[in-house]
Amino acid sequence: MKDKLVVGIADMKMAQHSGELITYALGSCIGICLYDPAIKLAALVHIMLPINMETGRSSPMKYADTGIRETVRRMEQLGARRNRIVAKIAGGAKMFETSGGALGNIGQRNIESVHMVLRREMIRLAKEDVGGKAARTLSFDAATGMGLVRSYGSPERIL
């Protein structure tokens, strides 16, 4: 039985060599799996919003920009190397119809922000399952670096 670490909203967890990282309720939120295959170090961060404009920045994992940067920093402290880290992402759904235009589609804004931050941090995006209108559950295996996306009414997808 492998260990299962549940990653909450605005949270991040890491596992090395074995264990499953899992996050639920990825609607407009995005789950970002980061993996260094050489040392089998896996991290999963569940972000809610694209950019951290919080005074004091007390919740860095809540935002794509600070959440990804902080996760990479912690991985590097454990021996990960940026040039080996690969990313897989899921989420960013448009959960509700709104008349707010681009501001109303937080899922799309989250997708764009995650893409931009990964590029800026020089982290290769290997796979993604984003957009749509359904919430997702994302699990990530630290031994293999494989992600699995489950969504109501859809077949499981491997990331």
Protein backbone atom coordinates (compact mmCIF):
# COMPACT_ATOMS: atom_id res chain seq x y z
CA MET A 1 0.00 0.00 0.00
CA LYS A 2 1.59 3.25 -1.05
CA ASP A 3 1.33 6.37 1.06
CA LYS A 4 -1.29 8.86 -0.11
CA LEU A 5 -0.71 12.55 0.61
CA VAL A 6 -3.75 14.76 0.06
CA VAL A 7 -2.96 18.23 -1.28
CA GLY A 8 -5.59 20.76 -0.26
CA ILE A 9 -6.55 23.98 -2.01
CA ALA A 10 -3.69 26.52 -1.85
CA ASP A 11 -1.41 23.72 -0.63
CA MET A 12 1.67 21.79 -1.78
CA LYS A 13 3.13 18.44 -0.82
CA MET A 14 6.21 16.49 -1.92
CA ALA A 15 7.15 12.81 -1.98
CA GLN A 16 10.35 11.08 -2.98
CA HIS A 17 10.79 7.57 -4.44
CA SER A 18 7.29 6.40 -3.51
CA GLY A 19 3.86 7.64 -2.56
CA GLU A 20 0.87 9.19 -4.23
CA LEU A 21 0.09 12.89 -4.20
CA ILE A 22 -3.58 13.60 -4.84
CA THR A 23 -5.74 16.71 -5.05
CA TYR A 24 -9.50 16.99 -5.43
CA ALA A 25 -11.92 19.61 -6.69
CA LEU A 26 -9.83 21.12 -9.48
CA GLY A 27 -12.48 23.32 -11.04
CA SER A 28 -11.00 26.62 -12.15
CA CYS A 29 -8.02 25.80 -9.92
CA ILE A 30 -4.96 24.08 -11.40
CA GLY A 31 -2.92 21.20 -10.06
CA ILE A 32 0.74 21.44 -11.07
CA CYS A 33 2.82 18.26 -10.86
CA LEU A 34 6.57 18.89 -10.83
CA TYR A 35 8.98 15.97 -11.09
CA ASP A 36 12.72 15.41 -11.15
CA PRO A 37 13.07 11.88 -12.57
CA ALA A 38 16.78 11.53 -11.64
CA ILE A 39 16.02 11.67 -7.91
CA LYS A 40 12.32 10.67 -8.13
CA LEU A 41 11.21 13.82 -6.35
CA ALA A 42 7.57 14.72 -6.95
CA ALA A 43 5.65 17.81 -5.91
CA LEU A 44 2.01 18.74 -6.40
CA VAL A 45 0.73 22.26 -5.84
CA HIS A 46 -2.97 23.23 -6.03
CA ILE A 47 -3.27 26.89 -7.06
CA MET A 48 -6.46 28.97 -7.04
CA LEU A 49 -5.54 32.25 -8.69
CA PRO A 50 -3.11 33.47 -11.36
CA ILE A 51 -1.10 36.20 -9.61
CA ASN A 52 -0.22 36.95 -6.00
CA MET A 53 -1.13 40.52 -5.14
CA GLU A 54 -1.51 39.77 -1.41
CA THR A 55 0.17 42.18 0.97
CA GLY A 56 2.68 40.16 2.96
CA ARG A 57 2.19 37.17 0.65
CA SER A 58 1.25 34.83 3.46
CA SER A 59 -0.30 32.16 1.19
CA PRO A 60 2.18 31.64 -1.69
CA MET A 61 0.66 28.28 -2.78
CA LYS A 62 -2.67 29.96 -3.52
CA TYR A 63 -1.25 31.65 -6.63
CA ALA A 64 0.37 30.35 -9.83
CA ASP A 65 3.33 32.72 -9.78
CA THR A 66 4.44 32.36 -6.16
CA GLY A 67 3.25 28.75 -5.79
CA ILE A 68 5.32 27.42 -8.68
CA ARG A 69 8.41 29.43 -7.73
CA GLU A 70 8.25 28.37 -4.08
CA THR A 71 7.71 24.71 -5.00
CA VAL A 72 10.70 24.72 -7.37
CA ARG A 73 12.82 26.41 -4.68
CA ARG A 74 11.91 23.71 -2.13
CA MET A 75 12.60 20.95 -4.66
CA GLU A 76 16.03 22.43 -5.38
CA GLN A 77 16.77 22.43 -1.64
CA LEU A 78 16.22 18.65 -1.73
CA GLY A 79 18.58 18.15 -4.68
CA ALA A 80 16.34 18.66 -7.71
CA ARG A 81 17.85 20.41 -10.69
CA ARG A 82 15.72 22.85 -12.67
CA ASN A 83 16.93 21.51 -16.04
CA ARG A 84 15.56 18.05 -15.13
CA ILE A 85 12.21 19.12 -13.66
CA VAL A 86 9.18 18.49 -15.85
CA ALA A 87 5.64 19.72 -15.27
CA LYS A 88 2.22 18.24 -15.86
CA ILE A 89 -0.92 20.27 -15.21
CA ALA A 90 -4.66 19.71 -14.92
CA GLY A 91 -7.64 21.94 -14.19
CA GLY A 92 -8.56 25.42 -15.32
CA ALA A 93 -12.18 24.58 -16.13
CA LYS A 94 -14.83 27.19 -16.78
CA MET A 95 -17.19 26.12 -14.04
CA PHE A 96 -19.83 28.84 -14.38
CA GLU A 97 -21.22 30.96 -17.17
CA THR A 98 -20.61 34.60 -16.32
CA SER A 99 -20.93 37.89 -18.13
CA GLY A 100 -17.54 39.04 -16.86
CA GLY A 101 -15.69 38.38 -20.14
CA ALA A 102 -12.04 37.41 -19.61
CA LEU A 103 -12.23 38.40 -15.94
CA GLY A 104 -15.11 35.98 -15.46
CA ASN A 105 -13.15 32.98 -16.76
CA ILE A 106 -10.68 32.47 -13.93
CA GLY A 107 -9.86 28.98 -15.22
CA GLN A 108 -8.49 30.37 -18.49
CA ARG A 109 -6.55 33.07 -16.65
CA ASN A 110 -5.04 30.39 -14.40
CA ILE A 111 -4.00 28.30 -17.45
CA GLU A 112 -2.31 31.30 -19.08
CA SER A 113 -0.54 32.27 -15.87
CA VAL A 114 0.74 28.73 -15.22
CA HIS A 115 2.06 28.50 -18.80
CA MET A 116 3.81 31.87 -18.44
CA VAL A 117 5.38 31.07 -15.05
CA LEU A 118 6.62 27.65 -16.21
CA ARG A 119 8.26 29.29 -19.26
CA ARG A 120 9.79 32.01 -17.11
CA GLU A 121 11.12 29.44 -14.62
CA MET A 122 12.46 27.31 -17.52
CA ILE A 123 10.40 24.27 -16.52
CA ARG A 124 9.30 22.08 -19.43
CA LEU A 125 5.56 21.39 -19.64
CA ALA A 126 5.29 17.73 -20.66
CA LYS A 127 1.51 17.20 -20.61
CA GLU A 128 -1.71 18.97 -19.70
CA ASP A 129 -5.42 18.34 -19.30
CA VAL A 130 -6.94 21.81 -18.99
CA GLY A 131 -10.07 23.78 -19.79
CA GLY A 132 -13.51 22.34 -20.36
CA LYS A 133 -16.36 22.59 -17.90
CA ALA A 134 -15.81 19.69 -15.48
CA ALA A 135 -13.97 19.47 -12.17
CA ARG A 136 -11.06 17.04 -11.94
CA THR A 137 -9.20 14.89 -9.44
CA LEU A 138 -5.46 14.67 -10.07
CA SER A 139 -3.14 12.03 -8.65
CA PHE A 140 0.62 11.87 -9.13
CA ASP A 141 2.90 8.88 -8.52
CA ALA A 142 6.31 9.77 -7.03
CA ALA A 143 7.88 6.46 -8.17
CA THR A 144 7.04 6.90 -11.86
CA GLY A 145 6.15 10.57 -12.39
CA MET A 146 2.84 9.48 -13.90
CA GLY A 147 -0.24 11.61 -13.39
CA LEU A 148 -3.82 10.40 -13.57
CA VAL A 149 -6.83 12.67 -14.13
CA ARG A 150 -10.36 11.60 -13.21
CA SER A 151 -13.43 13.61 -14.09
CA TYR A 152 -17.10 12.75 -13.78
CA GLY A 153 -18.50 11.35 -17.03
CA SER A 154 -15.10 11.05 -18.74
CA PRO A 155 -12.58 8.22 -19.04
CA GLU A 156 -9.41 8.43 -16.91
CA ARG A 157 -6.58 10.26 -18.63
CA ILE A 158 -2.87 9.65 -18.08
CA LEU A 159 -0.58 12.66 -17.76
